[in-house]
Amino acid sequence: MRYAVLGTGVVGRALGGKLVELGHEVTLGSRTKDNPSALQWAREAGAGAQSGTFEDAASSAEVVVVAVGGRVALSALEAAGAGNLDGKVVVDVSNPLGFEDGQVRLDPVGSDSMGEQIQRAYPHARVVKTLNTVNCDVMVAPSLVPGEHQIFVCGEDAGAKEQVTGMLGEFGWPAHRVLDLGGIASSRSVEMFLPLWVDLMRTLGKTHFNLQFHTGD
């Protein structure tokens, strides 16, 4: 499978590196061809790894992963080009958060979400929100957290969610631990989890944790 991973930060490099390790072809996309982090990642990640612009990455990909910060996700996708997203699965891992006056802020929040904004902006893309509720290490190695903890998917396209569930399975998330929350509007709840995640991280003093549900059945 050919993947575009948009974003050269720790999330993008972790996801891209795991996909290459699994045997996929990955282009790590950034705003410029000469991004130092992207070039270094492509040299070190091994066969199947390359770097380029957002447009370069998306144009040749079968699946596009949005791994930039949520507040710049739409501009990254605009640079990637609408025509390069049409009909493709777009995996939104982004969170629209920032730190202002020492506090976590989300924008949008409550009545909208980044997942919904991306789907509205690119109605012919098959947007699936996932992985935004865990640290990037846990995204690609869920065994770092013991137990039967869960990850979520949200989106309008059942086939796209099935395909993303398969990708998650390659990462180590078995299908019974992938909870389908329904349509893309459920992105609101998983994005609003982030302030709690930050408080938990500060309280626990670590980033390798997750949610596990017991229904009593």
C-alpha atoms as a PDB file:
ATOM      1  CA  MET A   1       0.000   0.000   0.000  1.00  0.00           C
ATOM      2  CA  ARG A   2       1.179   3.521  -0.755  1.00  0.00           C
ATOM      3  CA  TYR A   3       0.737   5.988   2.093  1.00  0.00           C
ATOM      4  CA  ALA A   4       1.187   9.730   2.362  1.00  0.00           C
ATOM      5  CA  VAL A   5       1.912  10.894   5.889  1.00  0.00           C
ATOM      6  CA  LEU A   6       1.455  14.654   6.122  1.00  0.00           C
ATOM      7  CA  GLY A   7       3.608  16.037   8.921  1.00  0.00           C
ATOM      8  CA  THR A   8       7.227  15.672   9.970  1.00  0.00           C
ATOM      9  CA  GLY A   9       6.812  15.878  13.749  1.00  0.00           C
ATOM     10  CA  VAL A  10       7.044  12.976  16.165  1.00  0.00           C
ATOM     11  CA  VAL A  11       3.581  11.683  15.216  1.00  0.00           C
ATOM     12  CA  GLY A  12       4.230  11.721  11.486  1.00  0.00           C
ATOM     13  CA  ARG A  13       7.645  10.122  11.827  1.00  0.00           C
ATOM     14  CA  ALA A  14       6.322   7.414  14.167  1.00  0.00           C
ATOM     15  CA  LEU A  15       3.427   6.504  11.899  1.00  0.00           C
ATOM     16  CA  GLY A  16       5.523   6.691   8.748  1.00  0.00           C
ATOM     17  CA  GLY A  17       8.294   4.612  10.260  1.00  0.00           C
ATOM     18  CA  LYS A  18       5.905   1.876  11.382  1.00  0.00           C
ATOM     19  CA  LEU A  19       4.228   1.730   7.980  1.00  0.00           C
ATOM     20  CA  VAL A  20       7.626   1.352   6.283  1.00  0.00           C
ATOM     21  CA  GLU A  21       8.575  -1.351   8.788  1.00  0.00           C
ATOM     22  CA  LEU A  22       5.376  -3.173   7.808  1.00  0.00           C
ATOM     23  CA  GLY A  23       6.429  -3.135   4.161  1.00  0.00           C
ATOM     24  CA  HIS A  24       4.396  -0.214   2.845  1.00  0.00           C
ATOM     25  CA  GLU A  25       5.635   2.627   0.650  1.00  0.00           C
ATOM     26  CA  VAL A  26       5.498   5.921   2.519  1.00  0.00           C
ATOM     27  CA  THR A  27       6.122   9.508   1.470  1.00  0.00           C
ATOM     28  CA  LEU A  28       6.526  11.857   4.402  1.00  0.00           C
ATOM     29  CA  GLY A  29       5.085  15.182   3.294  1.00  0.00           C
ATOM     30  CA  SER A  30       5.987  18.696   4.362  1.00  0.00           C
ATOM     31  CA  ARG A  31       5.616  22.192   2.947  1.00  0.00           C
ATOM     32  CA  THR A  32       8.990  22.099   1.189  1.00  0.00           C
ATOM     33  CA  LYS A  33      11.071  19.420  -0.509  1.00  0.00           C
ATOM     34  CA  ASP A  34      14.128  20.302   1.567  1.00  0.00           C
ATOM     35  CA  ASN A  35      12.583  19.877   5.029  1.00  0.00           C
ATOM     36  CA  PRO A  36      15.524  18.605   7.156  1.00  0.00           C
ATOM     37  CA  SER A  37      13.412  16.330   9.379  1.00  0.00           C
ATOM     38  CA  ALA A  38      11.744  14.705   6.389  1.00  0.00           C
ATOM     39  CA  LEU A  39      15.005  14.185   4.539  1.00  0.00           C
ATOM     40  CA  GLN A  40      16.650  12.629   7.585  1.00  0.00           C
ATOM     41  CA  TRP A  41      13.647  10.385   8.213  1.00  0.00           C
ATOM     42  CA  ALA A  42      13.691   9.159   4.592  1.00  0.00           C
ATOM     43  CA  ARG A  43      17.420   8.333   4.843  1.00  0.00           C
ATOM     44  CA  GLU A  44      17.005   6.404   8.094  1.00  0.00           C
ATOM     45  CA  ALA A  45      13.608   4.706   7.699  1.00  0.00           C
ATOM     46  CA  GLY A  46      14.747   2.240   5.062  1.00  0.00           C
ATOM     47  CA  ALA A  47      13.501   0.964   1.734  1.00  0.00           C
ATOM     48  CA  GLY A  48      10.092   2.291   0.804  1.00  0.00           C
ATOM     49  CA  ALA A  49      10.588   5.626   2.566  1.00  0.00           C
ATOM     50  CA  GLN A  50      10.821   8.924   0.766  1.00  0.00           C
ATOM     51  CA  SER A  51      10.024  12.562   1.397  1.00  0.00           C
ATOM     52  CA  GLY A  52       8.473  15.385  -0.592  1.00  0.00           C
ATOM     53  CA  THR A  53       5.954  18.175  -0.458  1.00  0.00           C
ATOM     54  CA  PHE A  54       2.418  17.634   0.776  1.00  0.00           C
ATOM     55  CA  GLU A  55       1.351  17.531  -2.877  1.00  0.00           C
ATOM     56  CA  ASP A  56       4.077  15.047  -3.816  1.00  0.00           C
ATOM     57  CA  ALA A  57       3.026  12.762  -0.998  1.00  0.00           C
ATOM     58  CA  ALA A  58      -0.716  12.871  -1.636  1.00  0.00           C
ATOM     59  CA  SER A  59      -0.525  12.592  -5.404  1.00  0.00           C
ATOM     60  CA  SER A  60       0.999   9.118  -5.390  1.00  0.00           C
ATOM     61  CA  ALA A  61      -0.734   7.764  -2.273  1.00  0.00           C
ATOM     62  CA  GLU A  62      -3.641   5.398  -1.885  1.00  0.00           C
ATOM     63  CA  VAL A  63      -4.183   6.506   1.733  1.00  0.00           C
ATOM     64  CA  VAL A  64      -3.444   9.957   3.175  1.00  0.00           C
ATOM     65  CA  VAL A  65      -2.669  10.301   6.897  1.00  0.00           C
ATOM     66  CA  VAL A  66      -3.102  13.754   8.444  1.00  0.00           C
ATOM     67  CA  ALA A  67      -0.422  13.916  11.153  1.00  0.00           C
ATOM     68  CA  VAL A  68       0.048  17.680  11.432  1.00  0.00           C
ATOM     69  CA  GLY A  69      -1.393  19.782  14.241  1.00  0.00           C
ATOM     70  CA  GLY A  70      -5.129  20.215  13.927  1.00  0.00           C
ATOM     71  CA  ARG A  71      -4.917  23.973  13.625  1.00  0.00           C
ATOM     72  CA  VAL A  72      -2.912  23.666  10.398  1.00  0.00           C
ATOM     73  CA  ALA A  73      -4.538  20.499   9.046  1.00  0.00           C
ATOM     74  CA  LEU A  74      -6.764  22.263   6.528  1.00  0.00           C
ATOM     75  CA  SER A  75      -3.895  24.311   5.133  1.00  0.00           C
ATOM     76  CA  ALA A  76      -1.761  21.163   4.787  1.00  0.00           C
ATOM     77  CA  LEU A  77      -4.563  19.418   2.911  1.00  0.00           C
ATOM     78  CA  GLU A  78      -5.079  22.480   0.719  1.00  0.00           C
ATOM     79  CA  ALA A  79      -1.396  22.295  -0.194  1.00  0.00           C
ATOM     80  CA  ALA A  80      -1.806  18.578  -0.895  1.00  0.00           C
ATOM     81  CA  GLY A  81      -4.509  19.392  -3.448  1.00  0.00           C
ATOM     82  CA  ALA A  82      -8.195  18.470  -3.464  1.00  0.00           C
ATOM     83  CA  GLY A  83      -7.771  16.356  -6.581  1.00  0.00           C
ATOM     84  CA  ASN A  84      -5.200  14.227  -4.768  1.00  0.00           C
ATOM     85  CA  LEU A  85      -7.722  13.438  -2.011  1.00  0.00           C
ATOM     86  CA  ASP A  86     -10.821  12.589  -4.039  1.00  0.00           C
ATOM     87  CA  GLY A  87     -12.000   9.052  -3.401  1.00  0.00           C
ATOM     88  CA  LYS A  88      -9.117   8.283  -1.048  1.00  0.00           C
ATOM     89  CA  VAL A  89      -9.197   7.260   2.586  1.00  0.00           C
ATOM     90  CA  VAL A  90      -7.985  10.219   4.648  1.00  0.00           C
ATOM     91  CA  VAL A  91      -6.962   9.198   8.160  1.00  0.00           C
ATOM     92  CA  ASP A  92      -7.249  12.183  10.496  1.00  0.00           C
ATOM     93  CA  VAL A  93      -4.979  11.791  13.522  1.00  0.00           C
ATOM     94  CA  SER A  94      -4.871  15.514  14.280  1.00  0.00           C
ATOM     95  CA  ASN A  95      -5.934  17.363  17.409  1.00  0.00           C
ATOM     96  CA  PRO A  96      -6.908  21.048  17.271  1.00  0.00           C
ATOM     97  CA  LEU A  97      -5.186  22.016  20.481  1.00  0.00           C
ATOM     98  CA  GLY A  98      -2.779  24.674  21.604  1.00  0.00           C
ATOM     99  CA  PHE A  99      -1.359  25.860  24.910  1.00  0.00           C
ATOM    100  CA  GLU A 100      -2.308  29.415  25.862  1.00  0.00           C
ATOM    101  CA  ASP A 101      -1.524  30.955  29.259  1.00  0.00           C
ATOM    102  CA  GLY A 102      -0.497  27.526  30.464  1.00  0.00           C
ATOM    103  CA  GLN A 103      -3.881  26.039  29.608  1.00  0.00           C
ATOM    104  CA  VAL A 104      -4.923  23.581  26.915  1.00  0.00           C
ATOM    105  CA  ARG A 105      -7.246  25.159  24.368  1.00  0.00           C
ATOM    106  CA  LEU A 106      -9.238  23.436  21.621  1.00  0.00           C
ATOM    107  CA  ASP A 107     -10.489  25.198  18.504  1.00  0.00           C
ATOM    108  CA  PRO A 108     -12.949  24.032  17.255  1.00  0.00           C
ATOM    109  CA  VAL A 109     -14.681  22.520  20.248  1.00  0.00           C
ATOM    110  CA  GLY A 110     -18.202  21.466  21.171  1.00  0.00           C
ATOM    111  CA  SER A 111     -20.232  22.189  18.073  1.00  0.00           C
ATOM    112  CA  ASP A 112     -17.611  21.165  15.490  1.00  0.00           C
ATOM    113  CA  SER A 113     -14.409  19.163  15.083  1.00  0.00           C
ATOM    114  CA  MET A 114     -11.392  18.888  12.812  1.00  0.00           C
ATOM    115  CA  GLY A 115     -12.682  15.585  11.502  1.00  0.00           C
ATOM    116  CA  GLU A 116     -15.920  17.245  10.405  1.00  0.00           C
ATOM    117  CA  GLN A 117     -14.136  20.274   8.964  1.00  0.00           C
ATOM    118  CA  ILE A 118     -11.908  18.053   6.850  1.00  0.00           C
ATOM    119  CA  GLN A 119     -14.869  16.015   5.606  1.00  0.00           C
ATOM    120  CA  ARG A 120     -16.809  19.185   4.712  1.00  0.00           C
ATOM    121  CA  ALA A 121     -13.832  20.731   2.930  1.00  0.00           C
ATOM    122  CA  TYR A 122     -13.188  17.539   0.951  1.00  0.00           C
ATOM    123  CA  PRO A 123     -16.588  15.879   0.483  1.00  0.00           C
ATOM    124  CA  HIS A 124     -15.221  13.287  -1.946  1.00  0.00           C
ATOM    125  CA  ALA A 125     -12.564  12.105   0.508  1.00  0.00           C
ATOM    126  CA  ARG A 126     -13.361   9.207   2.846  1.00  0.00           C
ATOM    127  CA  VAL A 127     -12.356  10.681   6.190  1.00  0.00           C
ATOM    128  CA  VAL A 128     -11.769   8.479   9.241  1.00  0.00           C
ATOM    129  CA  LYS A 129     -10.803   9.914  12.623  1.00  0.00           C
ATOM    130  CA  THR A 130      -8.615   7.653  14.750  1.00  0.00           C
ATOM    131  CA  LEU A 131      -5.502   7.355  16.943  1.00  0.00           C
ATOM    132  CA  ASN A 132      -5.749  10.913  18.307  1.00  0.00           C
ATOM    133  CA  THR A 133      -6.441   9.721  21.869  1.00  0.00           C
ATOM    134  CA  VAL A 134      -3.072   8.076  22.542  1.00  0.00           C
ATOM    135  CA  ASN A 135       0.608   9.001  22.507  1.00  0.00           C
ATOM    136  CA  CYS A 136       2.411   8.425  19.195  1.00  0.00           C
ATOM    137  CA  ASP A 137       4.422   5.520  20.638  1.00  0.00           C
ATOM    138  CA  VAL A 138       1.237   3.759  21.720  1.00  0.00           C
ATOM    139  CA  MET A 139      -0.345   4.434  18.314  1.00  0.00           C
ATOM    140  CA  VAL A 140       2.088   2.053  16.651  1.00  0.00           C
ATOM    141  CA  ALA A 141       2.897  -0.220  19.623  1.00  0.00           C
ATOM    142  CA  PRO A 142      -0.230  -0.661  21.759  1.00  0.00           C
ATOM    143  CA  SER A 143       1.530  -3.408  23.736  1.00  0.00           C
ATOM    144  CA  LEU A 144       3.365  -0.601  25.553  1.00  0.00           C
ATOM    145  CA  VAL A 145       0.184  -0.355  27.626  1.00  0.00           C
ATOM    146  CA  PRO A 146      -0.885  -3.662  29.207  1.00  0.00           C
ATOM    147  CA  GLY A 147      -4.434  -4.909  28.961  1.00  0.00           C
ATOM    148  CA  GLU A 148      -7.290  -4.851  26.476  1.00  0.00           C
ATOM    149  CA  HIS A 149      -7.406  -1.083  26.052  1.00  0.00           C
ATOM    150  CA  GLN A 150      -9.291   0.470  23.149  1.00  0.00           C
ATOM    151  CA  ILE A 151      -8.895   2.819  20.203  1.00  0.00           C
ATOM    152  CA  PHE A 152     -11.696   4.566  18.288  1.00  0.00           C
ATOM    153  CA  VAL A 153     -12.759   5.150  14.695  1.00  0.00           C
ATOM    154  CA  CYS A 154     -15.286   7.714  13.430  1.00  0.00           C
ATOM    155  CA  GLY A 155     -16.423   8.339   9.865  1.00  0.00           C
ATOM    156  CA  GLU A 156     -19.253   8.245   7.362  1.00  0.00           C
ATOM    157  CA  ASP A 157     -17.846   5.566   5.036  1.00  0.00           C
ATOM    158  CA  ALA A 158     -18.118   2.000   6.381  1.00  0.00           C
ATOM    159  CA  GLY A 159     -15.617   0.684   3.849  1.00  0.00           C
ATOM    160  CA  ALA A 160     -13.078   3.318   4.818  1.00  0.00           C
ATOM    161  CA  LYS A 161     -13.471   2.476   8.506  1.00  0.00           C
ATOM    162  CA  GLU A 162     -12.984  -1.201   7.686  1.00  0.00           C
ATOM    163  CA  GLN A 163      -9.794  -0.394   5.784  1.00  0.00           C
ATOM    164  CA  VAL A 164      -8.477   1.768   8.641  1.00  0.00           C
ATOM    165  CA  THR A 165      -9.344  -0.977  11.123  1.00  0.00           C
ATOM    166  CA  GLY A 166      -7.125  -3.237   9.036  1.00  0.00           C
ATOM    167  CA  MET A 167      -4.282  -0.709   9.260  1.00  0.00           C
ATOM    168  CA  LEU A 168      -4.770  -0.515  13.020  1.00  0.00           C
ATOM    169  CA  GLY A 169      -4.593  -4.298  13.140  1.00  0.00           C
ATOM    170  CA  GLU A 170      -1.185  -4.147  11.481  1.00  0.00           C
ATOM    171  CA  PHE A 171      -0.105  -1.741  14.219  1.00  0.00           C
ATOM    172  CA  GLY A 172      -1.204  -4.258  16.850  1.00  0.00           C
ATOM    173  CA  TRP A 173      -4.787  -3.173  17.600  1.00  0.00           C
ATOM    174  CA  PRO A 174      -6.993  -6.272  17.130  1.00  0.00           C
ATOM    175  CA  ALA A 175     -10.400  -5.585  15.629  1.00  0.00           C
ATOM    176  CA  HIS A 176     -12.283  -6.303  18.877  1.00  0.00           C
ATOM    177  CA  ARG A 177     -10.405  -3.422  20.521  1.00  0.00           C
ATOM    178  CA  VAL A 178     -11.319  -0.913  17.776  1.00  0.00           C
ATOM    179  CA  LEU A 179     -14.564   0.813  18.791  1.00  0.00           C
ATOM    180  CA  ASP A 180     -16.628   2.341  15.988  1.00  0.00           C
ATOM    181  CA  LEU A 181     -18.252   5.472  17.424  1.00  0.00           C
ATOM    182  CA  GLY A 182     -20.339   6.124  14.322  1.00  0.00           C
ATOM    183  CA  GLY A 183     -20.275   9.110  11.983  1.00  0.00           C
ATOM    184  CA  ILE A 184     -17.662  11.810  11.650  1.00  0.00           C
ATOM    185  CA  ALA A 185     -19.511  14.007  14.185  1.00  0.00           C
ATOM    186  CA  SER A 186     -18.132  11.676  16.861  1.00  0.00           C
ATOM    187  CA  SER A 187     -14.784  13.351  16.190  1.00  0.00           C
ATOM    188  CA  ARG A 188     -16.020  16.011  18.614  1.00  0.00           C
ATOM    189  CA  SER A 189     -15.925  13.690  21.605  1.00  0.00           C
ATOM    190  CA  VAL A 190     -12.531  12.125  20.886  1.00  0.00           C
ATOM    191  CA  GLU A 191     -11.006  15.553  20.241  1.00  0.00           C
ATOM    192  CA  MET A 192     -12.509  16.915  23.465  1.00  0.00           C
ATOM    193  CA  PHE A 193     -10.781  14.072  25.321  1.00  0.00           C
ATOM    194  CA  LEU A 194      -7.421  15.791  24.820  1.00  0.00           C
ATOM    195  CA  PRO A 195      -7.553  18.198  27.796  1.00  0.00           C
ATOM    196  CA  LEU A 196      -8.243  15.190  30.046  1.00  0.00           C
ATOM    197  CA  TRP A 197      -5.387  13.288  28.362  1.00  0.00           C
ATOM    198  CA  VAL A 198      -3.013  16.172  29.135  1.00  0.00           C
ATOM    199  CA  ASP A 199      -4.133  16.308  32.772  1.00  0.00           C
ATOM    200  CA  LEU A 200      -3.693  12.542  33.071  1.00  0.00           C
ATOM    201  CA  MET A 201      -0.220  12.792  31.563  1.00  0.00           C
ATOM    202  CA  ARG A 202       0.748  15.473  34.059  1.00  0.00           C
ATOM    203  CA  THR A 203      -0.707  13.501  36.993  1.00  0.00           C
ATOM    204  CA  LEU A 204       0.680  10.102  36.001  1.00  0.00           C
ATOM    205  CA  GLY A 205       4.014  11.500  34.875  1.00  0.00           C
ATOM    206  CA  LYS A 206       4.051   9.389  31.723  1.00  0.00           C
ATOM    207  CA  THR A 207       2.545   9.192  28.230  1.00  0.00           C
ATOM    208  CA  HIS A 208       2.117   5.446  27.834  1.00  0.00           C
ATOM    209  CA  PHE A 209      -1.464   5.007  29.053  1.00  0.00           C
ATOM    210  CA  ASN A 210      -4.907   4.520  27.549  1.00  0.00           C
ATOM    211  CA  LEU A 211      -8.572   3.844  28.310  1.00  0.00           C
ATOM    212  CA  GLN A 212      -9.957   0.374  28.915  1.00  0.00           C
ATOM    213  CA  PHE A 213     -13.670  -0.304  29.230  1.00  0.00           C
ATOM    214  CA  HIS A 214     -15.466  -2.965  31.245  1.00  0.00           C
ATOM    215  CA  THR A 215     -19.161  -3.122  30.432  1.00  0.00           C
ATOM    216  CA  GLY A 216     -20.115  -5.652  33.086  1.00  0.00           C
ATOM    217  CA  ASP A 217     -21.511  -8.107  30.513  1.00  0.00           C
END
